[in-house]
Every structure is written in C-alpha cells, then in structure tokens.
Protein backbone atom coordinates (compact mmCIF):
# COMPACT_ATOMS: atom_id res chain seq x y z
CA MET A 1 -22.05 -0.38 16.18
CA LEU A 2 -21.66 3.35 15.80
CA PRO A 3 -18.85 4.37 13.45
CA ASP A 4 -17.21 6.57 16.07
CA ALA A 5 -17.66 4.21 19.03
CA ARG A 6 -14.45 3.84 21.04
CA MET A 7 -12.69 0.52 21.23
CA ASN A 8 -11.69 -0.84 24.60
CA LYS A 9 -7.89 -0.65 24.36
CA PRO A 10 -7.09 -2.78 27.46
CA GLU A 11 -9.31 -5.56 26.07
CA LEU A 12 -7.71 -5.17 22.65
CA LEU A 13 -4.21 -5.54 24.14
CA GLU A 14 -5.30 -8.64 26.08
CA GLN A 15 -6.74 -10.09 22.90
CA ILE A 16 -3.46 -9.48 21.03
CA ILE A 17 -1.51 -11.03 23.91
CA ALA A 18 -3.79 -14.09 23.80
CA VAL A 19 -3.20 -14.52 20.06
CA LEU A 20 0.57 -14.16 20.48
CA THR A 21 0.60 -16.56 23.45
CA ALA A 22 -1.22 -19.14 21.33
CA GLU A 23 1.45 -18.64 18.64
CA VAL A 24 4.20 -19.25 21.21
CA ASP A 25 2.53 -22.51 22.24
CA LEU A 26 2.03 -23.59 18.64
CA PHE A 27 5.64 -22.84 17.67
CA MET A 28 6.96 -24.62 20.77
CA GLN A 29 4.88 -27.73 20.08
CA ALA A 30 6.03 -27.75 16.47
CA ALA A 31 9.66 -27.26 17.50
CA LEU A 32 9.49 -30.12 20.02
CA ALA A 33 7.85 -32.44 17.50
CA THR A 34 10.38 -31.55 14.80
CA HIS A 35 13.26 -31.94 17.25
CA ALA A 36 11.98 -35.40 18.16
CA GLU A 37 11.82 -36.24 14.47
CA ALA A 38 15.35 -34.94 13.88
CA THR A 39 16.78 -37.09 16.65
CA ASP A 40 14.68 -40.17 15.91
CA GLU A 41 16.61 -43.34 15.13
CA GLU A 42 14.61 -43.70 11.90
CA ASN A 43 16.10 -40.44 10.59
CA LYS A 44 19.75 -41.33 10.93
CA ALA A 45 21.55 -40.72 7.67
CA GLU A 46 21.90 -43.84 5.60
CA ASP A 47 24.56 -42.25 3.40
CA LYS A 48 26.21 -38.87 2.91
CA TYR A 49 23.34 -37.67 0.70
CA ASP A 50 20.60 -38.46 3.21
CA THR A 51 19.84 -35.13 4.91
CA ARG A 52 16.41 -35.82 6.46
CA GLY A 53 17.68 -35.51 10.02
CA LEU A 54 19.72 -32.40 9.24
CA GLU A 55 16.76 -30.74 7.53
CA ALA A 56 14.50 -31.57 10.48
CA SER A 57 17.03 -30.06 12.91
CA TYR A 58 17.17 -26.83 10.84
CA LEU A 59 13.38 -26.70 10.86
CA ALA A 60 13.27 -27.29 14.62
CA HIS A 61 15.78 -24.48 15.13
CA GLY A 62 13.69 -22.11 12.99
CA GLN A 63 10.54 -22.98 14.92
CA SER A 64 12.34 -22.41 18.21
CA LYS A 65 13.46 -18.97 17.00
CA ALA A 66 9.88 -18.14 15.95
CA ALA A 67 8.64 -19.18 19.40
CA GLU A 68 11.30 -17.00 21.02
CA GLU A 69 10.30 -13.99 18.90
CA ALA A 70 6.61 -14.50 19.69
CA ALA A 71 7.45 -14.76 23.42
CA GLN A 72 9.38 -11.49 23.19
CA ALA A 73 6.38 -9.89 21.49
CA VAL A 74 4.15 -11.08 24.35
CA ALA A 75 6.53 -9.52 26.88
CA HIS A 76 6.59 -6.23 24.96
CA PHE A 77 2.80 -6.10 24.74
CA ARG A 78 2.45 -6.92 28.45
CA SER A 79 4.63 -3.89 29.25
CA LEU A 80 2.68 -1.60 26.88
CA THR A 81 0.42 0.81 28.75
CA ALA A 82 -3.15 1.01 27.45
CA ARG A 83 -3.62 4.77 27.58
CA ASP A 84 -5.75 7.22 25.66
CA PHE A 85 -4.02 9.74 23.44
CA ALA A 86 -4.95 13.42 23.78
CA PRO A 87 -6.35 15.16 20.66
CA ASN A 88 -3.16 17.22 20.23
CA GLU A 89 -0.80 14.30 20.91
CA PRO A 90 1.17 12.80 18.00
CA ILE A 91 0.81 9.15 17.05
CA SER A 92 3.35 6.97 18.80
CA LEU A 93 3.75 3.49 20.26
CA GLY A 94 0.48 2.27 21.75
CA ALA A 95 -1.78 4.47 19.63
CA LEU A 96 -4.92 2.97 18.17
CA VAL A 97 -5.31 4.71 14.81
CA THR A 98 -8.19 4.78 12.36
CA VAL A 99 -7.28 5.64 8.78
CA GLU A 100 -9.86 6.33 6.09
CA SER A 101 -9.22 5.94 2.39
CA ALA A 102 -11.77 5.91 -0.43
CA GLY A 103 -14.60 5.78 2.10
CA LYS A 104 -13.24 2.71 3.91
CA SER A 105 -11.83 2.71 7.42
CA ALA A 106 -8.94 0.61 8.67
CA HIS A 107 -7.85 0.28 12.29
CA TYR A 108 -4.23 -0.10 13.39
CA LEU A 109 -2.50 -0.46 16.72
CA ILE A 110 1.06 0.88 16.71
CA GLY A 111 2.78 -1.98 18.52
CA PRO A 112 6.33 -2.75 19.62
CA LYS A 113 6.48 -6.11 17.79
CA ALA A 114 4.31 -8.64 15.94
CA GLY A 115 3.49 -6.46 12.94
CA GLY A 116 0.84 -8.07 10.77
CA THR A 117 -0.98 -9.68 13.68
CA GLU A 118 -4.68 -9.10 13.15
CA VAL A 119 -7.54 -9.52 15.61
CA GLU A 120 -11.27 -8.99 15.43
CA HIS A 121 -12.21 -6.58 18.22
CA GLN A 122 -15.69 -5.22 18.84
CA GLY A 123 -16.71 -6.17 15.32
CA ARG A 124 -13.71 -4.52 13.65
CA ALA A 125 -10.47 -5.86 12.26
CA VAL A 126 -7.48 -4.30 13.99
CA MET A 127 -3.99 -4.89 12.64
CA VAL A 128 -0.80 -4.44 14.61
CA ILE A 129 1.80 -2.40 12.76
CA THR A 130 5.22 -1.40 14.01
CA PRO A 131 6.89 2.00 13.62
CA GLN A 132 9.42 0.28 11.33
CA SER A 133 6.77 -0.74 8.77
CA PRO A 134 6.15 1.61 5.84
CA LEU A 135 2.69 2.60 7.10
CA GLY A 136 3.83 2.79 10.72
CA HIS A 137 6.76 4.98 9.70
CA GLN A 138 4.36 7.39 7.99
CA LEU A 139 1.89 7.41 10.88
CA VAL A 140 4.30 8.01 13.76
CA GLY A 141 4.38 11.72 14.56
CA LYS A 142 1.17 12.48 12.68
CA PHE A 143 -2.03 13.81 14.26
CA GLU A 144 -5.74 13.18 13.91
CA GLY A 145 -6.87 14.87 10.69
CA ASP A 146 -3.51 14.58 8.91
CA VAL A 147 -3.43 13.28 5.35
CA LEU A 148 -1.04 10.52 4.29
CA LYS A 149 0.10 9.81 0.75
CA LEU A 150 0.45 6.07 0.37
CA SER A 151 1.64 4.01 -2.56
CA VAL A 152 -0.66 1.03 -3.02
CA GLY A 153 -0.10 -1.24 -5.98
CA GLY A 154 2.10 1.36 -7.64
CA GLN A 155 -0.58 4.05 -7.36
CA GLN A 156 -0.57 7.02 -5.00
CA THR A 157 -3.59 7.20 -2.72
CA GLU A 158 -4.53 9.67 -0.05
CA SER A 159 -5.63 8.52 3.36
CA ARG A 160 -6.75 10.58 6.33
CA VAL A 161 -6.13 9.83 9.99
CA THR A 162 -9.66 10.05 11.40
CA ARG A 163 -9.02 8.93 14.98
CA VAL A 164 -6.12 8.52 17.38
CA ALA A 165 -6.97 6.86 20.68
C-alpha cells in the first residue's frame, strides 16, 4: 500500500462500531452469567464471612456498567459524521490523523468515546483517542505539518502531524 494512500473513513467508523458492538455483547453476556451466579442458590452465604454472592453481584454490576458505556460509545460513533477535513482545518472530533515520530507513522481517529480501541484498517493499525487524552488534547486544534512535543517514557520527543483527513 502506498504510504500516502487515503483510508476509507466510513468503513473505518463501521469497523470501530462493529468492535464496540461486540464488546457490548460480550459485557452483557458476562454480566448475565455473573448475575446468575450471584443469585444462584449455591452461592447463598453460609455465614457472615462468606461473601461469594456479594462479590459476584458487584462484578455483575461492574460488567453491566461496562456494557452501558460501550453502548453509549456505539451511539456516539453512529452519530459521528465521516467527513474529510480541509487542509487548513484544525484537528477536531472525527479527524483521522497521522503522526510521524522517529521515522514511524501512527494513525489516530479523534473519537467521542472508547479511547484505546484499536482496529486494523487497510493494513494499518488505527487507534481511537479522545480529546481528553494527553495526545488527543495536544492534537486538537493543530494542523497538518504542526510539530508536537510529547513526553514518552520520561523523555521529550518531537512528532509531526503528517496528515489530517
């Protein structure tokens, strides 16, 4: 693939939505299974120190919250418009950004939620970052060609925004 070939942003968004939808399903299945375990007759407390059922109910609650957050992320991504950014337009929500550092390129989608979600798209790893993340915070408002000073492992590195789409 050519280094400057454009990624298909609508396909990328659909791929991210598919990953997040699978997460919702996985969290819901886990929550239902854990809830069933928490309410199972076998897990009734035998004495005041037996907390198996209580622990399972806390876990089920946490899994339900994770499913809810993933479902919200799906909704946010479904409402995100897959549009191209003009060359003089600053980086903002929905931008697909390529950053180069030490001769290596990294691809990021500035998303509304689900920071850290990574997908393989057209032979490239693309990571979702939010404007609230340290890198997202630095990228928002920048333009193609701008240089970022990032702290990685306690060392300052320079990175350049090579593409905003």
